[in-house]
N, C-alpha and C. Protein backbone atom coordinates (compact mmCIF):
# COMPACT_ATOMS: atom_id res chain seq x y z
N MET A 1 0.86 -1.19 0.00
CA MET A 1 0.00 0.00 0.00
C MET A 1 0.89 1.24 0.00
N ASN A 2 0.73 2.08 -1.03
CA ASN A 2 1.59 3.26 -1.12
C ASN A 2 0.83 4.53 -0.74
N SER A 3 1.57 5.64 -0.78
CA SER A 3 1.02 6.91 -0.34
C SER A 3 -0.18 7.35 -1.17
N LYS A 4 -0.10 7.19 -2.49
CA LYS A 4 -1.19 7.63 -3.37
C LYS A 4 -2.46 6.83 -3.12
N THR A 5 -2.31 5.53 -2.87
CA THR A 5 -3.47 4.69 -2.58
C THR A 5 -4.16 5.15 -1.30
N LEU A 6 -3.36 5.45 -0.27
CA LEU A 6 -3.93 5.91 0.99
C LEU A 6 -4.61 7.25 0.83
N GLN A 7 -4.00 8.15 0.07
CA GLN A 7 -4.61 9.48 -0.13
C GLN A 7 -5.94 9.37 -0.87
N SER A 8 -6.06 8.39 -1.75
CA SER A 8 -7.30 8.22 -2.51
C SER A 8 -8.46 7.75 -1.62
N LEU A 9 -8.13 7.18 -0.46
CA LEU A 9 -9.17 6.68 0.44
C LEU A 9 -9.92 7.80 1.16
N GLU A 10 -9.33 8.99 1.18
CA GLU A 10 -9.94 10.10 1.92
C GLU A 10 -11.35 10.42 1.43
N GLN A 11 -11.60 10.23 0.13
CA GLN A 11 -12.92 10.56 -0.42
C GLN A 11 -14.03 9.67 0.12
N TYR A 12 -13.63 8.53 0.71
CA TYR A 12 -14.62 7.59 1.24
C TYR A 12 -14.74 7.66 2.77
N LYS A 13 -14.21 8.72 3.36
CA LYS A 13 -14.12 8.79 4.82
C LYS A 13 -15.47 8.68 5.50
N TRP A 14 -16.51 9.32 4.94
CA TRP A 14 -17.82 9.28 5.59
C TRP A 14 -18.49 7.92 5.42
N PHE A 15 -18.16 7.24 4.35
CA PHE A 15 -18.66 5.88 4.18
C PHE A 15 -18.06 4.97 5.25
N TYR A 16 -16.74 5.04 5.44
CA TYR A 16 -16.08 4.24 6.47
C TYR A 16 -16.64 4.56 7.85
N PHE A 17 -16.81 5.85 8.10
CA PHE A 17 -17.32 6.27 9.42
C PHE A 17 -18.74 5.76 9.64
N SER A 18 -19.58 5.85 8.62
CA SER A 18 -20.97 5.39 8.74
C SER A 18 -21.03 3.90 9.01
N VAL A 19 -20.23 3.12 8.30
CA VAL A 19 -20.19 1.67 8.51
C VAL A 19 -19.72 1.35 9.92
N LEU A 20 -18.70 2.07 10.37
CA LEU A 20 -18.18 1.87 11.72
C LEU A 20 -19.25 2.16 12.78
N VAL A 21 -19.99 3.25 12.60
CA VAL A 21 -21.05 3.62 13.55
C VAL A 21 -22.15 2.56 13.56
N ILE A 22 -22.59 2.15 12.39
CA ILE A 22 -23.68 1.17 12.29
C ILE A 22 -23.28 -0.16 12.94
N LEU A 23 -22.08 -0.62 12.65
CA LEU A 23 -21.62 -1.88 13.23
C LEU A 23 -21.44 -1.77 14.74
N SER A 24 -20.92 -0.63 15.19
CA SER A 24 -20.71 -0.42 16.63
C SER A 24 -22.04 -0.44 17.38
N ILE A 25 -23.03 0.27 16.85
CA ILE A 25 -24.34 0.31 17.49
C ILE A 25 -25.01 -1.06 17.44
N GLY A 26 -24.92 -1.71 16.28
CA GLY A 26 -25.55 -3.02 16.14
C GLY A 26 -24.98 -4.06 17.09
N LEU A 27 -23.67 -4.12 17.19
CA LEU A 27 -23.02 -5.08 18.09
C LEU A 27 -23.31 -4.75 19.55
N SER A 28 -23.30 -3.46 19.88
CA SER A 28 -23.60 -3.05 21.25
C SER A 28 -25.04 -3.42 21.62
N TYR A 29 -25.96 -3.23 20.68
CA TYR A 29 -27.36 -3.59 20.93
C TYR A 29 -27.51 -5.09 21.17
N ILE A 30 -26.86 -5.89 20.35
CA ILE A 30 -26.94 -7.35 20.51
C ILE A 30 -26.41 -7.78 21.87
N ILE A 31 -25.29 -7.18 22.28
CA ILE A 31 -24.67 -7.56 23.55
C ILE A 31 -25.52 -7.11 24.74
N HIS A 32 -25.92 -5.85 24.74
CA HIS A 32 -26.57 -5.28 25.93
C HIS A 32 -28.08 -5.48 25.98
N ASP A 33 -28.71 -5.77 24.84
CA ASP A 33 -30.16 -5.93 24.84
C ASP A 33 -30.62 -7.35 24.52
N ILE A 34 -29.73 -8.18 23.98
CA ILE A 34 -30.10 -9.56 23.64
C ILE A 34 -29.31 -10.56 24.48
N ILE A 35 -28.00 -10.45 24.46
CA ILE A 35 -27.16 -11.40 25.21
C ILE A 35 -27.34 -11.18 26.72
N ILE A 36 -27.32 -9.93 27.14
CA ILE A 36 -27.51 -9.63 28.56
C ILE A 36 -29.00 -9.66 28.87
N THR A 37 -29.46 -10.77 29.40
CA THR A 37 -30.89 -10.95 29.69
C THR A 37 -31.26 -10.51 31.10
N ASP A 38 -30.26 -10.35 31.96
CA ASP A 38 -30.52 -9.95 33.34
C ASP A 38 -29.59 -8.81 33.74
N PRO A 39 -29.94 -7.58 33.40
CA PRO A 39 -29.07 -6.43 33.71
C PRO A 39 -28.82 -6.23 35.20
N LYS A 40 -29.69 -6.81 36.05
CA LYS A 40 -29.51 -6.64 37.49
C LYS A 40 -28.17 -7.18 37.97
N TYR A 41 -27.66 -8.19 37.26
CA TYR A 41 -26.34 -8.74 37.62
C TYR A 41 -25.26 -7.68 37.46
N PHE A 42 -25.44 -6.78 36.50
CA PHE A 42 -24.44 -5.76 36.20
C PHE A 42 -24.66 -4.49 37.01
N THR A 43 -25.92 -4.19 37.32
CA THR A 43 -26.22 -2.98 38.06
C THR A 43 -26.22 -3.18 39.57
N LYS A 44 -26.30 -4.47 39.99
CA LYS A 44 -26.36 -4.82 41.42
C LYS A 44 -27.57 -4.15 42.08
N GLY A 45 -28.64 -3.96 41.31
CA GLY A 45 -29.79 -3.25 41.84
C GLY A 45 -31.06 -4.06 41.84
N ASN A 46 -32.20 -3.35 41.87
CA ASN A 46 -33.50 -4.00 41.89
C ASN A 46 -34.12 -3.97 40.49
N ASP A 47 -35.42 -4.28 40.42
CA ASP A 47 -36.09 -4.31 39.11
C ASP A 47 -36.09 -2.94 38.44
N ASN A 48 -36.11 -1.88 39.23
CA ASN A 48 -36.10 -0.53 38.65
C ASN A 48 -34.81 -0.24 37.90
N SER A 49 -33.72 -0.87 38.35
CA SER A 49 -32.43 -0.63 37.70
C SER A 49 -32.38 -1.21 36.29
N VAL A 50 -33.22 -2.21 36.02
CA VAL A 50 -33.25 -2.81 34.69
C VAL A 50 -33.71 -1.78 33.66
N GLY A 51 -34.81 -1.08 33.99
CA GLY A 51 -35.31 -0.05 33.09
C GLY A 51 -34.30 1.06 32.89
N LEU A 52 -33.62 1.44 33.96
CA LEU A 52 -32.60 2.48 33.87
C LEU A 52 -31.45 2.03 32.98
N TYR A 53 -31.05 0.77 33.14
CA TYR A 53 -29.97 0.19 32.34
C TYR A 53 -30.32 0.27 30.85
N ARG A 54 -31.54 -0.14 30.52
CA ARG A 54 -31.99 -0.13 29.12
C ARG A 54 -32.05 1.30 28.57
N ARG A 55 -32.54 2.23 29.40
CA ARG A 55 -32.65 3.63 28.94
C ARG A 55 -31.28 4.25 28.70
N ILE A 56 -30.34 3.94 29.61
CA ILE A 56 -28.99 4.49 29.46
C ILE A 56 -28.36 4.02 28.15
N TYR A 57 -28.49 2.73 27.88
CA TYR A 57 -27.90 2.22 26.63
C TYR A 57 -28.67 2.72 25.41
N GLY A 58 -29.97 2.97 25.57
CA GLY A 58 -30.73 3.57 24.47
C GLY A 58 -30.19 4.94 24.12
N ILE A 59 -29.85 5.72 25.15
CA ILE A 59 -29.25 7.04 24.94
C ILE A 59 -27.86 6.92 24.31
N LEU A 60 -27.09 5.94 24.78
CA LEU A 60 -25.74 5.73 24.25
C LEU A 60 -25.78 5.38 22.77
N TYR A 61 -26.79 4.60 22.36
CA TYR A 61 -26.92 4.28 20.93
C TYR A 61 -27.16 5.55 20.12
N LEU A 62 -27.99 6.45 20.66
CA LEU A 62 -28.33 7.68 19.94
C LEU A 62 -27.15 8.62 19.79
N ILE A 63 -26.32 8.69 20.83
CA ILE A 63 -25.19 9.64 20.79
C ILE A 63 -23.91 8.98 20.28
N LYS A 64 -23.98 7.70 19.90
CA LYS A 64 -22.78 6.99 19.43
C LYS A 64 -22.09 7.70 18.26
N PRO A 65 -22.84 8.17 17.24
CA PRO A 65 -22.15 8.87 16.14
C PRO A 65 -21.34 10.06 16.62
N LEU A 66 -21.91 10.86 17.54
CA LEU A 66 -21.21 12.04 18.04
C LEU A 66 -20.01 11.66 18.89
N SER A 67 -20.20 10.71 19.82
CA SER A 67 -19.10 10.32 20.71
C SER A 67 -17.95 9.69 19.93
N LEU A 68 -18.29 8.88 18.91
CA LEU A 68 -17.25 8.26 18.10
C LEU A 68 -16.52 9.28 17.25
N PHE A 69 -17.27 10.25 16.73
CA PHE A 69 -16.64 11.30 15.93
C PHE A 69 -15.68 12.12 16.78
N ILE A 70 -16.09 12.46 18.00
CA ILE A 70 -15.22 13.23 18.90
C ILE A 70 -13.95 12.45 19.21
N LYS A 71 -14.10 11.15 19.49
CA LYS A 71 -12.94 10.32 19.80
C LYS A 71 -11.98 10.26 18.61
N LEU A 72 -12.50 9.92 17.43
CA LEU A 72 -11.66 9.80 16.25
C LEU A 72 -11.08 11.15 15.85
N GLY A 73 -11.90 12.20 16.01
CA GLY A 73 -11.43 13.54 15.66
C GLY A 73 -10.26 13.99 16.52
N PHE A 74 -10.33 13.69 17.82
CA PHE A 74 -9.25 14.09 18.73
C PHE A 74 -7.96 13.34 18.42
N ILE A 75 -8.08 12.02 18.20
CA ILE A 75 -6.89 11.23 17.84
C ILE A 75 -6.32 11.72 16.52
N SER A 76 -7.20 11.99 15.56
CA SER A 76 -6.76 12.46 14.24
C SER A 76 -6.03 13.79 14.34
N LEU A 77 -6.53 14.67 15.21
CA LEU A 77 -5.90 15.98 15.38
C LEU A 77 -4.48 15.83 15.93
N LEU A 78 -4.31 14.95 16.92
CA LEU A 78 -2.98 14.71 17.48
C LEU A 78 -2.02 14.17 16.41
N LEU A 79 -2.50 13.20 15.64
CA LEU A 79 -1.64 12.60 14.62
C LEU A 79 -1.43 13.54 13.44
N PHE A 80 -2.38 14.41 13.19
CA PHE A 80 -2.21 15.43 12.14
C PHE A 80 -1.08 16.38 12.51
N TRP A 81 -1.11 16.84 13.76
CA TRP A 81 -0.01 17.69 14.24
C TRP A 81 1.32 16.96 14.16
N GLY A 82 1.32 15.71 14.58
CA GLY A 82 2.55 14.93 14.54
C GLY A 82 3.07 14.72 13.13
N SER A 83 2.14 14.46 12.20
CA SER A 83 2.54 14.24 10.80
C SER A 83 3.13 15.49 10.18
N ARG A 84 2.54 16.64 10.51
CA ARG A 84 2.99 17.89 9.90
C ARG A 84 4.27 18.42 10.53
N TYR A 85 4.36 18.35 11.85
CA TYR A 85 5.46 19.03 12.54
C TYR A 85 6.56 18.09 13.03
N TYR A 86 6.25 16.79 13.11
CA TYR A 86 7.30 15.83 13.51
C TYR A 86 7.81 15.07 12.30
N LEU A 87 6.88 14.54 11.49
CA LEU A 87 7.31 13.81 10.29
C LEU A 87 7.54 14.74 9.10
N LYS A 88 7.15 16.02 9.25
CA LYS A 88 7.35 17.04 8.20
C LYS A 88 6.60 16.70 6.92
N LEU A 89 5.39 16.20 7.05
CA LEU A 89 4.58 15.85 5.87
C LEU A 89 3.55 16.95 5.61
N LYS A 90 4.00 18.18 5.52
CA LYS A 90 3.10 19.33 5.42
C LYS A 90 2.45 19.46 4.04
N SER A 91 3.09 18.92 3.02
CA SER A 91 2.64 19.20 1.66
C SER A 91 1.34 18.51 1.28
N PHE A 92 1.07 17.31 1.81
CA PHE A 92 -0.11 16.57 1.34
C PHE A 92 -0.95 15.96 2.46
N VAL A 93 -0.53 16.06 3.70
CA VAL A 93 -1.31 15.46 4.79
C VAL A 93 -2.32 16.47 5.33
N SER A 94 -3.58 16.07 5.32
CA SER A 94 -4.65 16.92 5.85
C SER A 94 -5.26 16.26 7.08
N PHE A 95 -6.04 17.04 7.81
CA PHE A 95 -6.72 16.48 8.97
C PHE A 95 -7.64 15.34 8.55
N TRP A 96 -8.36 15.51 7.44
CA TRP A 96 -9.31 14.49 7.01
C TRP A 96 -8.62 13.23 6.51
N MET A 97 -7.40 13.39 6.00
CA MET A 97 -6.62 12.21 5.63
C MET A 97 -6.27 11.41 6.88
N CYS A 98 -5.87 12.11 7.92
CA CYS A 98 -5.57 11.44 9.19
C CYS A 98 -6.83 10.82 9.77
N PHE A 99 -7.95 11.52 9.67
CA PHE A 99 -9.23 11.00 10.17
C PHE A 99 -9.59 9.70 9.46
N THR A 100 -9.35 9.64 8.17
CA THR A 100 -9.65 8.44 7.39
C THR A 100 -8.82 7.26 7.88
N LEU A 101 -7.54 7.47 8.09
CA LEU A 101 -6.66 6.38 8.54
C LEU A 101 -7.01 5.93 9.95
N VAL A 102 -7.34 6.87 10.82
CA VAL A 102 -7.74 6.53 12.19
C VAL A 102 -9.05 5.75 12.17
N CYS A 103 -9.97 6.18 11.32
CA CYS A 103 -11.27 5.50 11.19
C CYS A 103 -11.09 4.07 10.73
N LEU A 104 -10.24 3.85 9.74
CA LEU A 104 -9.97 2.49 9.24
C LEU A 104 -9.33 1.63 10.33
N SER A 105 -8.43 2.21 11.08
CA SER A 105 -7.76 1.47 12.15
C SER A 105 -8.74 1.07 13.25
N GLU A 106 -9.75 1.90 13.47
CA GLU A 106 -10.72 1.69 14.55
C GLU A 106 -11.54 0.41 14.35
N PHE A 107 -11.63 -0.08 13.14
CA PHE A 107 -12.40 -1.30 12.87
C PHE A 107 -11.86 -2.50 13.66
N ILE A 108 -10.58 -2.46 14.04
CA ILE A 108 -9.99 -3.57 14.79
C ILE A 108 -10.70 -3.77 16.12
N PHE A 109 -11.27 -2.70 16.67
CA PHE A 109 -11.93 -2.79 17.98
C PHE A 109 -13.32 -3.43 17.90
N LEU A 110 -13.79 -3.71 16.69
CA LEU A 110 -15.06 -4.42 16.54
C LEU A 110 -14.89 -5.92 16.77
N ILE A 111 -13.68 -6.42 16.62
CA ILE A 111 -13.44 -7.86 16.73
C ILE A 111 -13.81 -8.42 18.10
N PRO A 112 -13.46 -7.76 19.22
CA PRO A 112 -13.88 -8.30 20.53
C PRO A 112 -15.39 -8.44 20.66
N ASP A 113 -16.15 -7.45 20.19
CA ASP A 113 -17.61 -7.53 20.26
C ASP A 113 -18.14 -8.62 19.34
N ILE A 114 -17.55 -8.74 18.15
CA ILE A 114 -17.97 -9.80 17.23
C ILE A 114 -17.72 -11.17 17.84
N SER A 115 -16.57 -11.33 18.48
CA SER A 115 -16.25 -12.61 19.11
C SER A 115 -17.21 -12.93 20.24
N GLU A 116 -17.63 -11.89 20.99
CA GLU A 116 -18.58 -12.09 22.08
C GLU A 116 -19.95 -12.51 21.55
N VAL A 117 -20.38 -11.86 20.48
CA VAL A 117 -21.67 -12.20 19.87
C VAL A 117 -21.66 -13.64 19.35
N ILE A 118 -20.59 -14.01 18.64
CA ILE A 118 -20.49 -15.37 18.10
C ILE A 118 -20.45 -16.40 19.21
N TYR A 119 -19.69 -16.10 20.27
CA TYR A 119 -19.53 -17.08 21.35
C TYR A 119 -20.84 -17.34 22.08
N PHE A 120 -21.56 -16.27 22.43
CA PHE A 120 -22.76 -16.45 23.26
C PHE A 120 -24.04 -16.73 22.46
N LEU A 121 -24.07 -16.40 21.18
CA LEU A 121 -25.26 -16.68 20.38
C LEU A 121 -25.16 -17.95 19.55
N ILE A 122 -23.92 -18.43 19.34
CA ILE A 122 -23.74 -19.60 18.48
C ILE A 122 -23.03 -20.75 19.21
N ILE A 123 -21.91 -20.45 19.85
CA ILE A 123 -21.08 -21.51 20.45
C ILE A 123 -21.61 -21.96 21.80
N LYS A 124 -21.81 -21.03 22.71
CA LYS A 124 -22.27 -21.37 24.06
C LYS A 124 -23.55 -20.60 24.36
N THR A 125 -24.66 -21.17 23.97
CA THR A 125 -25.94 -20.48 24.13
C THR A 125 -26.51 -20.61 25.54
N ASN A 126 -26.03 -21.61 26.28
CA ASN A 126 -26.48 -21.78 27.67
C ASN A 126 -25.44 -21.16 28.59
N TYR A 127 -25.50 -19.85 28.73
CA TYR A 127 -24.48 -19.12 29.46
C TYR A 127 -25.09 -18.41 30.66
N SER A 128 -24.22 -18.01 31.56
CA SER A 128 -24.65 -17.24 32.73
C SER A 128 -24.22 -15.79 32.58
N MET A 129 -24.82 -14.90 33.35
CA MET A 129 -24.44 -13.49 33.31
C MET A 129 -23.00 -13.30 33.81
N GLN A 130 -22.56 -14.17 34.68
CA GLN A 130 -21.18 -14.09 35.17
C GLN A 130 -20.20 -14.34 34.04
N GLU A 131 -20.52 -15.29 33.16
CA GLU A 131 -19.65 -15.57 32.01
C GLU A 131 -19.61 -14.38 31.06
N VAL A 132 -20.75 -13.72 30.88
CA VAL A 132 -20.78 -12.53 30.03
C VAL A 132 -19.95 -11.41 30.67
N TYR A 133 -20.11 -11.27 31.98
CA TYR A 133 -19.41 -10.21 32.72
C TYR A 133 -17.90 -10.33 32.60
N TYR A 134 -17.40 -11.56 32.64
CA TYR A 134 -15.95 -11.77 32.61
C TYR A 134 -15.41 -12.14 31.23
N PHE A 135 -16.22 -11.94 30.20
CA PHE A 135 -15.76 -12.26 28.85
C PHE A 135 -14.83 -11.15 28.37
N ASN A 136 -13.58 -11.32 28.66
CA ASN A 136 -12.59 -10.30 28.33
C ASN A 136 -11.25 -11.00 28.09
N TRP A 137 -11.31 -12.02 27.23
CA TRP A 137 -10.18 -12.93 27.02
C TRP A 137 -8.94 -12.28 26.42
N TYR A 138 -9.09 -11.08 25.86
CA TYR A 138 -8.03 -10.46 25.10
C TYR A 138 -7.20 -9.46 25.89
N SER A 139 -7.48 -9.29 27.20
CA SER A 139 -6.75 -8.29 27.98
C SER A 139 -6.22 -8.88 29.29
N LEU A 140 -5.31 -8.14 29.93
CA LEU A 140 -4.78 -8.57 31.22
C LEU A 140 -5.86 -8.60 32.30
N HIS A 141 -6.92 -7.86 32.06
CA HIS A 141 -8.01 -7.79 33.04
C HIS A 141 -8.62 -9.15 33.31
N THR A 142 -8.59 -10.02 32.30
CA THR A 142 -9.22 -11.33 32.44
C THR A 142 -8.46 -12.25 33.40
N ILE A 143 -7.22 -11.92 33.71
CA ILE A 143 -6.42 -12.75 34.61
C ILE A 143 -6.92 -12.63 36.05
N PHE A 144 -7.51 -11.49 36.37
CA PHE A 144 -7.92 -11.20 37.74
C PHE A 144 -9.44 -11.25 37.87
N ARG A 145 -9.92 -11.51 39.04
CA ARG A 145 -11.35 -11.41 39.34
C ARG A 145 -11.64 -9.98 39.78
N GLN A 146 -12.62 -9.37 39.15
CA GLN A 146 -12.83 -7.94 39.38
C GLN A 146 -13.22 -7.62 40.82
N GLU A 147 -13.92 -8.56 41.50
CA GLU A 147 -14.33 -8.24 42.87
C GLU A 147 -13.14 -8.19 43.81
N ASP A 148 -12.00 -8.81 43.41
CA ASP A 148 -10.80 -8.79 44.23
C ASP A 148 -9.83 -7.69 43.82
N MET A 149 -10.22 -6.91 42.83
CA MET A 149 -9.31 -5.93 42.26
C MET A 149 -9.74 -4.51 42.63
N PRO A 150 -8.82 -3.66 43.07
CA PRO A 150 -9.16 -2.25 43.29
C PRO A 150 -9.67 -1.62 42.01
N LYS A 151 -10.71 -0.81 42.10
CA LYS A 151 -11.34 -0.23 40.92
C LYS A 151 -10.37 0.61 40.09
N ALA A 152 -9.38 1.18 40.75
CA ALA A 152 -8.43 2.03 40.03
C ALA A 152 -7.62 1.25 39.00
N PHE A 153 -7.50 -0.07 39.20
CA PHE A 153 -6.67 -0.87 38.30
C PHE A 153 -7.45 -1.43 37.12
N VAL A 154 -8.78 -1.30 37.14
CA VAL A 154 -9.60 -1.94 36.11
C VAL A 154 -9.30 -1.35 34.73
N TYR A 155 -9.38 -0.03 34.59
CA TYR A 155 -9.19 0.59 33.27
C TYR A 155 -7.78 0.34 32.70
N PRO A 156 -6.69 0.55 33.48
CA PRO A 156 -5.36 0.29 32.92
C PRO A 156 -5.19 -1.15 32.44
N LEU A 157 -5.74 -2.12 33.18
CA LEU A 157 -5.62 -3.52 32.79
C LEU A 157 -6.46 -3.84 31.55
N GLN A 158 -7.63 -3.21 31.45
CA GLN A 158 -8.46 -3.39 30.26
C GLN A 158 -7.79 -2.79 29.04
N LEU A 159 -7.04 -1.72 29.25
CA LEU A 159 -6.36 -1.04 28.15
C LEU A 159 -5.24 -1.89 27.57
N LEU A 160 -4.61 -2.70 28.41
CA LEU A 160 -3.52 -3.55 27.95
C LEU A 160 -4.10 -4.82 27.34
N ASN A 161 -4.46 -4.73 26.08
CA ASN A 161 -5.07 -5.89 25.41
C ASN A 161 -4.53 -6.04 24.00
N ILE A 162 -4.77 -7.19 23.42
CA ILE A 162 -4.25 -7.54 22.10
C ILE A 162 -4.65 -6.53 21.04
N PHE A 163 -5.91 -6.11 21.07
CA PHE A 163 -6.43 -5.26 20.00
C PHE A 163 -5.95 -3.82 20.12
N GLU A 164 -5.66 -3.39 21.33
CA GLU A 164 -5.06 -2.08 21.49
C GLU A 164 -3.66 -2.06 20.90
N PHE A 165 -2.89 -3.13 21.13
CA PHE A 165 -1.55 -3.24 20.55
C PHE A 165 -1.62 -3.28 19.02
N LEU A 166 -2.60 -4.05 18.48
CA LEU A 166 -2.77 -4.12 17.03
C LEU A 166 -3.16 -2.76 16.45
N TYR A 167 -3.97 -2.02 17.19
CA TYR A 167 -4.39 -0.68 16.77
C TYR A 167 -3.17 0.23 16.63
N TRP A 168 -2.28 0.18 17.61
CA TRP A 168 -1.05 0.98 17.54
C TRP A 168 -0.23 0.58 16.32
N ALA A 169 -0.10 -0.73 16.10
CA ALA A 169 0.71 -1.24 14.99
C ALA A 169 0.12 -0.83 13.64
N ILE A 170 -1.20 -0.90 13.52
CA ILE A 170 -1.87 -0.53 12.26
C ILE A 170 -1.70 0.96 11.98
N LEU A 171 -1.90 1.78 13.01
CA LEU A 171 -1.73 3.22 12.84
C LEU A 171 -0.29 3.54 12.40
N ALA A 172 0.67 2.92 13.06
CA ALA A 172 2.08 3.16 12.72
C ALA A 172 2.36 2.77 11.28
N TYR A 173 1.79 1.64 10.85
CA TYR A 173 2.01 1.18 9.46
C TYR A 173 1.39 2.14 8.46
N LEU A 174 0.13 2.53 8.69
CA LEU A 174 -0.57 3.39 7.74
C LEU A 174 0.11 4.76 7.61
N PHE A 175 0.52 5.32 8.73
CA PHE A 175 1.14 6.65 8.67
C PHE A 175 2.56 6.59 8.09
N SER A 176 3.25 5.49 8.30
CA SER A 176 4.58 5.34 7.68
C SER A 176 4.43 5.19 6.17
N GLN A 177 3.40 4.45 5.73
CA GLN A 177 3.15 4.30 4.30
C GLN A 177 2.68 5.60 3.67
N LEU A 178 1.90 6.37 4.41
CA LEU A 178 1.41 7.65 3.91
C LEU A 178 2.56 8.58 3.55
N GLY A 179 3.61 8.56 4.37
CA GLY A 179 4.75 9.44 4.12
C GLY A 179 5.91 8.76 3.43
N ASN A 180 5.69 7.50 2.99
CA ASN A 180 6.77 6.71 2.37
C ASN A 180 8.01 6.68 3.28
N LEU A 181 7.76 6.40 4.55
CA LEU A 181 8.81 6.41 5.56
C LEU A 181 9.02 5.00 6.10
N ARG A 182 10.11 4.84 6.83
CA ARG A 182 10.36 3.57 7.50
C ARG A 182 9.31 3.35 8.59
N TYR A 183 9.02 2.07 8.86
CA TYR A 183 8.01 1.73 9.87
C TYR A 183 8.38 2.31 11.23
N ALA A 184 9.69 2.40 11.50
CA ALA A 184 10.15 2.94 12.78
C ALA A 184 9.68 4.38 12.97
N LYS A 185 9.58 5.13 11.88
CA LYS A 185 9.10 6.51 11.98
C LYS A 185 7.62 6.54 12.36
N GLY A 186 6.88 5.59 11.80
CA GLY A 186 5.47 5.50 12.15
C GLY A 186 5.28 5.16 13.61
N ILE A 187 6.12 4.27 14.11
CA ILE A 187 6.06 3.90 15.53
C ILE A 187 6.37 5.11 16.41
N GLN A 188 7.39 5.88 16.02
CA GLN A 188 7.74 7.08 16.79
C GLN A 188 6.58 8.06 16.84
N LEU A 189 5.89 8.22 15.71
CA LEU A 189 4.73 9.11 15.65
C LEU A 189 3.65 8.67 16.63
N ILE A 190 3.33 7.38 16.62
CA ILE A 190 2.26 6.85 17.48
C ILE A 190 2.66 6.96 18.96
N VAL A 191 3.91 6.70 19.26
CA VAL A 191 4.37 6.78 20.65
C VAL A 191 4.27 8.21 21.18
N LEU A 192 4.70 9.16 20.38
CA LEU A 192 4.75 10.56 20.85
C LEU A 192 3.40 11.26 20.82
N PHE A 193 2.59 10.95 19.81
CA PHE A 193 1.36 11.73 19.61
C PHE A 193 0.08 10.94 19.88
N TYR A 194 0.22 9.68 20.26
CA TYR A 194 -0.96 8.92 20.69
C TYR A 194 -0.74 8.25 22.04
N LEU A 195 0.34 7.47 22.14
CA LEU A 195 0.56 6.72 23.38
C LEU A 195 0.90 7.64 24.55
N LEU A 196 1.68 8.67 24.32
CA LEU A 196 2.03 9.58 25.40
C LEU A 196 0.79 10.29 25.96
N PRO A 197 -0.07 10.88 25.11
CA PRO A 197 -1.31 11.47 25.65
C PRO A 197 -2.20 10.42 26.32
N LEU A 198 -2.24 9.20 25.74
CA LEU A 198 -3.05 8.13 26.34
C LEU A 198 -2.52 7.74 27.71
N PHE A 199 -1.20 7.70 27.84
CA PHE A 199 -0.59 7.38 29.13
C PHE A 199 -0.92 8.45 30.17
N ILE A 200 -0.85 9.72 29.77
CA ILE A 200 -1.16 10.82 30.69
C ILE A 200 -2.62 10.74 31.14
N TYR A 201 -3.52 10.50 30.17
CA TYR A 201 -4.95 10.38 30.49
C TYR A 201 -5.19 9.20 31.44
N THR A 202 -4.56 8.07 31.15
CA THR A 202 -4.72 6.88 31.99
C THR A 202 -4.19 7.11 33.39
N ALA A 203 -3.05 7.78 33.49
CA ALA A 203 -2.46 8.07 34.79
C ALA A 203 -3.36 8.98 35.63
N ILE A 204 -3.93 10.01 34.98
CA ILE A 204 -4.84 10.92 35.69
C ILE A 204 -6.08 10.17 36.15
N LYS A 205 -6.64 9.33 35.28
CA LYS A 205 -7.83 8.56 35.63
C LYS A 205 -7.53 7.58 36.75
N PHE A 206 -6.35 6.97 36.71
CA PHE A 206 -5.94 6.02 37.74
C PHE A 206 -5.85 6.71 39.11
N ILE A 207 -5.22 7.90 39.12
CA ILE A 207 -5.06 8.64 40.39
C ILE A 207 -6.41 9.07 40.95
N ILE A 208 -7.29 9.56 40.06
CA ILE A 208 -8.63 9.97 40.52
C ILE A 208 -9.39 8.80 41.10
N ASN A 209 -9.38 7.66 40.40
CA ASN A 209 -10.08 6.46 40.88
C ASN A 209 -9.46 5.95 42.19
N LEU A 210 -8.13 6.08 42.31
CA LEU A 210 -7.45 5.63 43.52
C LEU A 210 -7.89 6.49 44.70
N LEU A 211 -8.02 7.80 44.47
CA LEU A 211 -8.44 8.70 45.55
C LEU A 211 -9.91 8.50 45.92
N LEU A 212 -10.75 8.20 44.90
CA LEU A 212 -12.18 8.07 45.14
C LEU A 212 -12.55 6.73 45.78
N PHE A 213 -11.86 5.66 45.38
CA PHE A 213 -12.28 4.32 45.79
C PHE A 213 -11.34 3.63 46.78
N SER A 214 -10.28 4.31 47.17
CA SER A 214 -9.35 3.69 48.12
C SER A 214 -9.87 3.82 49.55
């Protein structure tokens, strides 16, 4: 895949984004409204909490396009700055080009949800809510039982997963190809303009959770 091929993909950015939104909402609906038959297990509440659970996810489905756009837009902005001022690709790299590459990379995060849908609707149809709750085979979080784990450690452990690493690798590859650069340059871009901000955000969230729940 060369630079010209990647640049030509920009014209399809809204198509990629629309497909990503539709698949994200569809998979989330299947998991939270079909697979999860007893939300009380997750809310630890009474019958009233079931209705609240359903309403909250109904709202999340509606705002998914906006929340996903904000997420992808922020990542794209960071990598746009990095591409222009660190990799010196000022002549042909635009924000929307970066948005397109980030959007394509984001599809990797659909695989965990797809695997969950396939497992519980096809492979193991006689499942418990506890099995659904702990279905997180792709991250370090699955090694520990959540009830024995301080809440502050949940997000960092969930973040350390196979698909997050693949996401970094895909982004590094696409941006290195965009600039016809060595893969090492793409890795440097992702480390400085994605992983570093992500680390700072995770550290702040960890400290806040540690103070709130310790």
